């Protein structure tokens, strides 16, 4: 079950590193300006907190399926928010204002979709326990 452990670690690290990188350590206001609710600095901080939760979950060796199911729902919320964002925004305008913000808005929903599928897979396939993955 190294795949499960690696997936949780990858999800956590991507949440933390991507927010710090693309927000330039919370100084890139363009990200905030284009979605002041979901991607406020508080929202970005909460994405990093989710990253810490995913890292903590990598250490869980039993009963992980329901936790993974909750994570899949969390990722679904961000995928829906991303898709709705495109309804009212123009990615080209974001790129014109800031390359990092443009890349961020280009990929964050795809990233969340990939991890939503991963967490869903864990939920549906891992049953009630996972043998130690240490």
C-alpha atoms as a PDB file:
ATOM      1  CA  UNK A   1       0.000   0.000   0.000  1.00  0.00           C
ATOM      2  CA  UNK A   2       2.916   2.297  -0.626  1.00  0.00           C
ATOM      3  CA  UNK A   3       0.814   3.852  -3.393  1.00  0.00           C
ATOM      4  CA  UNK A   4      -1.721   5.052  -0.847  1.00  0.00           C
ATOM      5  CA  UNK A   5       0.922   6.512   1.435  1.00  0.00           C
ATOM      6  CA  UNK A   6       2.714   8.163  -1.505  1.00  0.00           C
ATOM      7  CA  UNK A   7      -0.574   9.595  -2.805  1.00  0.00           C
ATOM      8  CA  UNK A   8      -1.395  11.201   0.527  1.00  0.00           C
ATOM      9  CA  UNK A   9       2.110  12.637   0.805  1.00  0.00           C
ATOM     10  CA  UNK A  10       1.963  13.958  -2.766  1.00  0.00           C
ATOM     11  CA  UNK A  11      -1.426  15.597  -2.136  1.00  0.00           C
ATOM     12  CA  UNK A  12      -0.112  17.262   1.004  1.00  0.00           C
ATOM     13  CA  UNK A  13       3.124  18.489  -0.495  1.00  0.00           C
ATOM     14  CA  UNK A  14       1.433  19.824  -3.625  1.00  0.00           C
ATOM     15  CA  UNK A  15      -1.088  21.772  -1.544  1.00  0.00           C
ATOM     16  CA  UNK A  16       1.628  23.347   0.563  1.00  0.00           C
ATOM     17  CA  UNK A  17       4.331  23.936  -2.052  1.00  0.00           C
ATOM     18  CA  UNK A  18       1.979  25.127  -4.804  1.00  0.00           C
ATOM     19  CA  UNK A  19       0.304  27.698  -2.570  1.00  0.00           C
ATOM     20  CA  UNK A  20       3.632  29.039  -1.358  1.00  0.00           C
ATOM     21  CA  UNK A  21       5.105  29.099  -4.868  1.00  0.00           C
ATOM     22  CA  UNK A  22       2.240  30.545  -6.887  1.00  0.00           C
ATOM     23  CA  UNK A  23       1.123  33.000  -4.194  1.00  0.00           C
ATOM     24  CA  UNK A  24       4.749  33.994  -3.690  1.00  0.00           C
ATOM     25  CA  UNK A  25       4.341  33.305   0.024  1.00  0.00           C
ATOM     26  CA  UNK A  26       0.977  35.125   0.151  1.00  0.00           C
ATOM     27  CA  UNK A  27       2.238  38.291  -1.573  1.00  0.00           C
ATOM     28  CA  UNK A  28       0.662  37.685  -5.009  1.00  0.00           C
ATOM     29  CA  UNK A  29      -2.587  39.635  -4.731  1.00  0.00           C
ATOM     30  CA  UNK A  30      -3.630  38.755  -8.298  1.00  0.00           C
ATOM     31  CA  UNK A  31      -4.691  35.296  -7.115  1.00  0.00           C
ATOM     32  CA  UNK A  32      -6.798  36.921  -4.390  1.00  0.00           C
ATOM     33  CA  UNK A  33      -8.271  39.516  -6.745  1.00  0.00           C
ATOM     34  CA  UNK A  34      -9.649  36.960  -9.199  1.00  0.00           C
ATOM     35  CA  UNK A  35     -11.385  34.862  -6.526  1.00  0.00           C
ATOM     36  CA  UNK A  36     -11.550  36.839  -3.275  1.00  0.00           C
ATOM     37  CA  UNK A  37     -13.676  34.233  -1.510  1.00  0.00           C
ATOM     38  CA  UNK A  38     -12.083  30.856  -2.288  1.00  0.00           C
ATOM     39  CA  UNK A  39      -8.562  32.157  -2.947  1.00  0.00           C
ATOM     40  CA  UNK A  40      -8.243  34.869  -0.336  1.00  0.00           C
ATOM     41  CA  UNK A  41      -5.070  34.626   1.722  1.00  0.00           C
ATOM     42  CA  UNK A  42      -7.180  32.879   4.368  1.00  0.00           C
ATOM     43  CA  UNK A  43      -8.450  30.449   1.719  1.00  0.00           C
ATOM     44  CA  UNK A  44      -4.898  29.794   0.548  1.00  0.00           C
ATOM     45  CA  UNK A  45      -3.812  29.208   4.137  1.00  0.00           C
ATOM     46  CA  UNK A  46      -6.648  26.691   4.553  1.00  0.00           C
ATOM     47  CA  UNK A  47      -5.451  24.878   1.422  1.00  0.00           C
ATOM     48  CA  UNK A  48      -2.084  24.540   3.137  1.00  0.00           C
ATOM     49  CA  UNK A  49      -3.802  23.271   6.302  1.00  0.00           C
ATOM     50  CA  UNK A  50      -5.530  20.621   4.155  1.00  0.00           C
ATOM     51  CA  UNK A  51      -2.046  19.749   2.922  1.00  0.00           C
ATOM     52  CA  UNK A  52      -0.938  19.157   6.497  1.00  0.00           C
ATOM     53  CA  UNK A  53      -4.019  16.972   7.057  1.00  0.00           C
ATOM     54  CA  UNK A  54      -3.154  14.890   3.964  1.00  0.00           C
ATOM     55  CA  UNK A  55       0.411  14.471   5.271  1.00  0.00           C
ATOM     56  CA  UNK A  56      -0.940  13.346   8.646  1.00  0.00           C
ATOM     57  CA  UNK A  57      -3.284  10.885   6.946  1.00  0.00           C
ATOM     58  CA  UNK A  58      -0.278   9.283   5.231  1.00  0.00           C
ATOM     59  CA  UNK A  59       0.584   7.810   8.637  1.00  0.00           C
ATOM     60  CA  UNK A  60      -2.840   6.212   9.160  1.00  0.00           C
ATOM     61  CA  UNK A  61      -2.740   2.452   8.628  1.00  0.00           C
ATOM     62  CA  UNK A  62      -6.330   1.405   9.318  1.00  0.00           C
ATOM     63  CA  UNK A  63      -9.798   2.743   8.670  1.00  0.00           C
ATOM     64  CA  UNK A  64      -8.473   5.161   6.042  1.00  0.00           C
ATOM     65  CA  UNK A  65     -11.294   4.666   3.543  1.00  0.00           C
ATOM     66  CA  UNK A  66     -13.796   7.036   5.200  1.00  0.00           C
ATOM     67  CA  UNK A  67     -11.136   9.670   5.681  1.00  0.00           C
ATOM     68  CA  UNK A  68     -10.236   9.337   2.006  1.00  0.00           C
ATOM     69  CA  UNK A  69     -13.925   9.648   1.146  1.00  0.00           C
ATOM     70  CA  UNK A  70     -14.090  12.942   3.009  1.00  0.00           C
ATOM     71  CA  UNK A  71     -10.994  14.106   1.150  1.00  0.00           C
ATOM     72  CA  UNK A  72     -12.617  13.185  -2.173  1.00  0.00           C
ATOM     73  CA  UNK A  73     -15.612  15.368  -1.293  1.00  0.00           C
ATOM     74  CA  UNK A  74     -13.276  18.220  -0.301  1.00  0.00           C
ATOM     75  CA  UNK A  75     -11.495  17.953  -3.650  1.00  0.00           C
ATOM     76  CA  UNK A  76     -14.856  17.833  -5.458  1.00  0.00           C
ATOM     77  CA  UNK A  77     -15.741  21.178  -3.857  1.00  0.00           C
ATOM     78  CA  UNK A  78     -12.573  22.747  -5.280  1.00  0.00           C
ATOM     79  CA  UNK A  79     -13.136  21.194  -8.713  1.00  0.00           C
ATOM     80  CA  UNK A  80     -16.658  22.643  -8.810  1.00  0.00           C
ATOM     81  CA  UNK A  81     -15.375  26.036  -7.602  1.00  0.00           C
ATOM     82  CA  UNK A  82     -12.737  25.967 -10.352  1.00  0.00           C
ATOM     83  CA  UNK A  83     -15.245  25.096 -13.066  1.00  0.00           C
ATOM     84  CA  UNK A  84     -17.621  27.820 -11.868  1.00  0.00           C
ATOM     85  CA  UNK A  85     -14.714  30.272 -11.824  1.00  0.00           C
ATOM     86  CA  UNK A  86     -14.262  29.782 -15.561  1.00  0.00           C
ATOM     87  CA  UNK A  87     -17.891  30.771 -16.126  1.00  0.00           C
ATOM     88  CA  UNK A  88     -17.202  34.353 -14.993  1.00  0.00           C
ATOM     89  CA  UNK A  89     -13.481  34.818 -15.650  1.00  0.00           C
ATOM     90  CA  UNK A  90     -11.046  34.958 -18.530  1.00  0.00           C
ATOM     91  CA  UNK A  91      -7.811  33.074 -18.000  1.00  0.00           C
ATOM     92  CA  UNK A  92      -6.034  35.291 -20.542  1.00  0.00           C
ATOM     93  CA  UNK A  93      -6.715  38.352 -18.396  1.00  0.00           C
ATOM     94  CA  UNK A  94      -5.176  36.598 -15.395  1.00  0.00           C
ATOM     95  CA  UNK A  95      -2.048  35.719 -17.411  1.00  0.00           C
ATOM     96  CA  UNK A  96      -1.794  39.357 -18.554  1.00  0.00           C
ATOM     97  CA  UNK A  97      -1.664  40.482 -14.936  1.00  0.00           C
ATOM     98  CA  UNK A  98       0.582  37.767 -13.522  1.00  0.00           C
ATOM     99  CA  UNK A  99       2.152  34.608 -14.941  1.00  0.00           C
ATOM    100  CA  UNK A 100       2.103  32.765 -11.606  1.00  0.00           C
ATOM    101  CA  UNK A 101      -1.583  33.542 -11.024  1.00  0.00           C
ATOM    102  CA  UNK A 102      -2.369  32.442 -14.581  1.00  0.00           C
ATOM    103  CA  UNK A 103      -0.604  29.135 -14.124  1.00  0.00           C
ATOM    104  CA  UNK A 104      -2.262  28.692 -10.734  1.00  0.00           C
ATOM    105  CA  UNK A 105      -5.762  29.177 -12.146  1.00  0.00           C
ATOM    106  CA  UNK A 106      -4.896  26.968 -15.125  1.00  0.00           C
ATOM    107  CA  UNK A 107      -3.941  23.954 -13.052  1.00  0.00           C
ATOM    108  CA  UNK A 108      -5.462  23.998  -9.598  1.00  0.00           C
ATOM    109  CA  UNK A 109      -8.740  22.364 -10.618  1.00  0.00           C
ATOM    110  CA  UNK A 110      -6.987  19.709 -12.676  1.00  0.00           C
ATOM    111  CA  UNK A 111      -4.754  18.928  -9.726  1.00  0.00           C
ATOM    112  CA  UNK A 112      -7.754  18.686  -7.425  1.00  0.00           C
ATOM    113  CA  UNK A 113      -9.572  16.461  -9.928  1.00  0.00           C
ATOM    114  CA  UNK A 114      -6.632  14.043 -10.047  1.00  0.00           C
ATOM    115  CA  UNK A 115      -6.499  13.826  -6.252  1.00  0.00           C
ATOM    116  CA  UNK A 116     -10.300  13.575  -6.039  1.00  0.00           C
ATOM    117  CA  UNK A 117     -10.061  10.467  -8.222  1.00  0.00           C
ATOM    118  CA  UNK A 118      -7.185   9.130  -6.103  1.00  0.00           C
ATOM    119  CA  UNK A 119      -9.047   9.677  -2.821  1.00  0.00           C
ATOM    120  CA  UNK A 120     -12.186   8.167  -4.352  1.00  0.00           C
ATOM    121  CA  UNK A 121     -10.161   5.137  -5.398  1.00  0.00           C
ATOM    122  CA  UNK A 122      -8.828   4.776  -1.850  1.00  0.00           C
ATOM    123  CA  UNK A 123     -12.357   5.101  -0.454  1.00  0.00           C
ATOM    124  CA  UNK A 124     -13.808   2.423  -2.723  1.00  0.00           C
ATOM    125  CA  UNK A 125     -10.920  -0.050  -2.758  1.00  0.00           C
ATOM    126  CA  UNK A 126      -9.163   0.005   0.566  1.00  0.00           C
ATOM    127  CA  UNK A 127     -11.892  -1.383   2.796  1.00  0.00           C
ATOM    128  CA  UNK A 128     -11.609  -0.862   6.496  1.00  0.00           C
ATOM    129  CA  UNK A 129      -7.875  -1.193   6.914  1.00  0.00           C
ATOM    130  CA  UNK A 130      -4.545  -0.870   5.229  1.00  0.00           C
ATOM    131  CA  UNK A 131      -1.565  -2.891   6.339  1.00  0.00           C
ATOM    132  CA  UNK A 132       1.359  -0.875   7.569  1.00  0.00           C
ATOM    133  CA  UNK A 133       2.965   1.092   4.760  1.00  0.00           C
ATOM    134  CA  UNK A 134       6.035   2.133   6.663  1.00  0.00           C
END
